[in-house]
Amino acid sequence: MLAKRKMSLTELSQEVGVTIANLSILKNGKAKAIRFSTLEAICQALDCQPGDILEYKSEL
């Protein structure tokens, strides 16, 4: 979604109020959880829905 919106991780970080390091963890799929308020802010900044940026992967 970042590429689609032509936005850098730095710009998203500034707009959402989340550190670049934390956004990088989310972007790389290393996060174990995300606050709904953070998800809401990211979706608002990227003008998207949660399903556009989240993917379920089974650990089996």
C-alpha atoms as a PDB file:
ATOM      1  CA  MET A   1       0.000   0.000   0.000  1.00  0.00           C
ATOM      2  CA  LEU A   2       2.946   2.327   0.637  1.00  0.00           C
ATOM      3  CA  ALA A   3       4.099   1.979  -2.958  1.00  0.00           C
ATOM      4  CA  LYS A   4       0.544   2.371  -4.271  1.00  0.00           C
ATOM      5  CA  ARG A   5       0.165   5.608  -2.319  1.00  0.00           C
ATOM      6  CA  LYS A   6       3.711   6.723  -3.248  1.00  0.00           C
ATOM      7  CA  MET A   7       4.516   7.204   0.439  1.00  0.00           C
ATOM      8  CA  SER A   8       7.748   6.358   2.235  1.00  0.00           C
ATOM      9  CA  LEU A   9       7.962   4.595   5.577  1.00  0.00           C
ATOM     10  CA  THR A  10       9.303   7.854   7.021  1.00  0.00           C
ATOM     11  CA  GLU A  11       6.274   9.813   5.805  1.00  0.00           C
ATOM     12  CA  LEU A  12       3.896   7.175   7.194  1.00  0.00           C
ATOM     13  CA  SER A  13       5.763   7.214  10.502  1.00  0.00           C
ATOM     14  CA  GLN A  14       5.355  10.972  10.802  1.00  0.00           C
ATOM     15  CA  GLU A  15       1.686  10.901   9.839  1.00  0.00           C
ATOM     16  CA  VAL A  16       0.736   7.990  12.106  1.00  0.00           C
ATOM     17  CA  GLY A  17       2.999   8.761  15.057  1.00  0.00           C
ATOM     18  CA  VAL A  18       4.649   5.337  15.134  1.00  0.00           C
ATOM     19  CA  THR A  19       8.413   4.861  14.982  1.00  0.00           C
ATOM     20  CA  ILE A  20      10.024   3.741  11.747  1.00  0.00           C
ATOM     21  CA  ALA A  21      11.406   0.705  13.589  1.00  0.00           C
ATOM     22  CA  ASN A  22       7.919  -0.401  14.668  1.00  0.00           C
ATOM     23  CA  LEU A  23       6.483   0.183  11.196  1.00  0.00           C
ATOM     24  CA  SER A  24       9.354  -1.816   9.731  1.00  0.00           C
ATOM     25  CA  ILE A  25       8.499  -4.742  12.043  1.00  0.00           C
ATOM     26  CA  LEU A  26       4.891  -4.559  10.866  1.00  0.00           C
ATOM     27  CA  LYS A  27       5.916  -4.237   7.211  1.00  0.00           C
ATOM     28  CA  ASN A  28       8.227  -7.251   7.370  1.00  0.00           C
ATOM     29  CA  GLY A  29       5.639  -9.486   9.034  1.00  0.00           C
ATOM     30  CA  LYS A  30       7.596  -9.841  12.280  1.00  0.00           C
ATOM     31  CA  ALA A  31       4.927  -8.269  14.531  1.00  0.00           C
ATOM     32  CA  LYS A  32       2.923 -10.556  16.786  1.00  0.00           C
ATOM     33  CA  ALA A  33       0.212  -7.965  17.471  1.00  0.00           C
ATOM     34  CA  ILE A  34      -1.008  -4.519  16.499  1.00  0.00           C
ATOM     35  CA  ARG A  35      -3.196  -2.108  18.427  1.00  0.00           C
ATOM     36  CA  PHE A  36      -6.498  -1.272  16.791  1.00  0.00           C
ATOM     37  CA  SER A  37      -5.695   2.421  17.189  1.00  0.00           C
ATOM     38  CA  THR A  38      -2.429   1.933  15.259  1.00  0.00           C
ATOM     39  CA  LEU A  39      -4.174  -0.102  12.580  1.00  0.00           C
ATOM     40  CA  GLU A  40      -6.850   2.578  12.291  1.00  0.00           C
ATOM     41  CA  ALA A  41      -4.241   5.339  11.951  1.00  0.00           C
ATOM     42  CA  ILE A  42      -2.326   3.408   9.285  1.00  0.00           C
ATOM     43  CA  CYS A  43      -5.508   2.705   7.326  1.00  0.00           C
ATOM     44  CA  GLN A  44      -6.538   6.335   7.559  1.00  0.00           C
ATOM     45  CA  ALA A  45      -3.117   7.529   6.354  1.00  0.00           C
ATOM     46  CA  LEU A  46      -3.061   5.044   3.461  1.00  0.00           C
ATOM     47  CA  ASP A  47      -6.785   5.385   2.671  1.00  0.00           C
ATOM     48  CA  CYS A  48      -7.306   1.625   2.819  1.00  0.00           C
ATOM     49  CA  GLN A  49      -9.090  -1.120   4.733  1.00  0.00           C
ATOM     50  CA  PRO A  50      -7.384  -3.465   7.256  1.00  0.00           C
ATOM     51  CA  GLY A  51      -7.734  -6.376   4.806  1.00  0.00           C
ATOM     52  CA  ASP A  52      -5.636  -4.432   2.306  1.00  0.00           C
ATOM     53  CA  ILE A  53      -2.597  -4.559   4.585  1.00  0.00           C
ATOM     54  CA  LEU A  54      -3.160  -7.638   6.786  1.00  0.00           C
ATOM     55  CA  GLU A  55      -2.751 -11.263   5.813  1.00  0.00           C
ATOM     56  CA  TYR A  56      -3.411 -14.369   7.887  1.00  0.00           C
ATOM     57  CA  LYS A  57      -0.708 -17.022   7.877  1.00  0.00           C
ATOM     58  CA  SER A  58      -1.120 -20.296   9.729  1.00  0.00           C
ATOM     59  CA  GLU A  59       1.800 -21.318  11.933  1.00  0.00           C
ATOM     60  CA  LEU A  60       1.172 -25.034  11.284  1.00  0.00           C
END
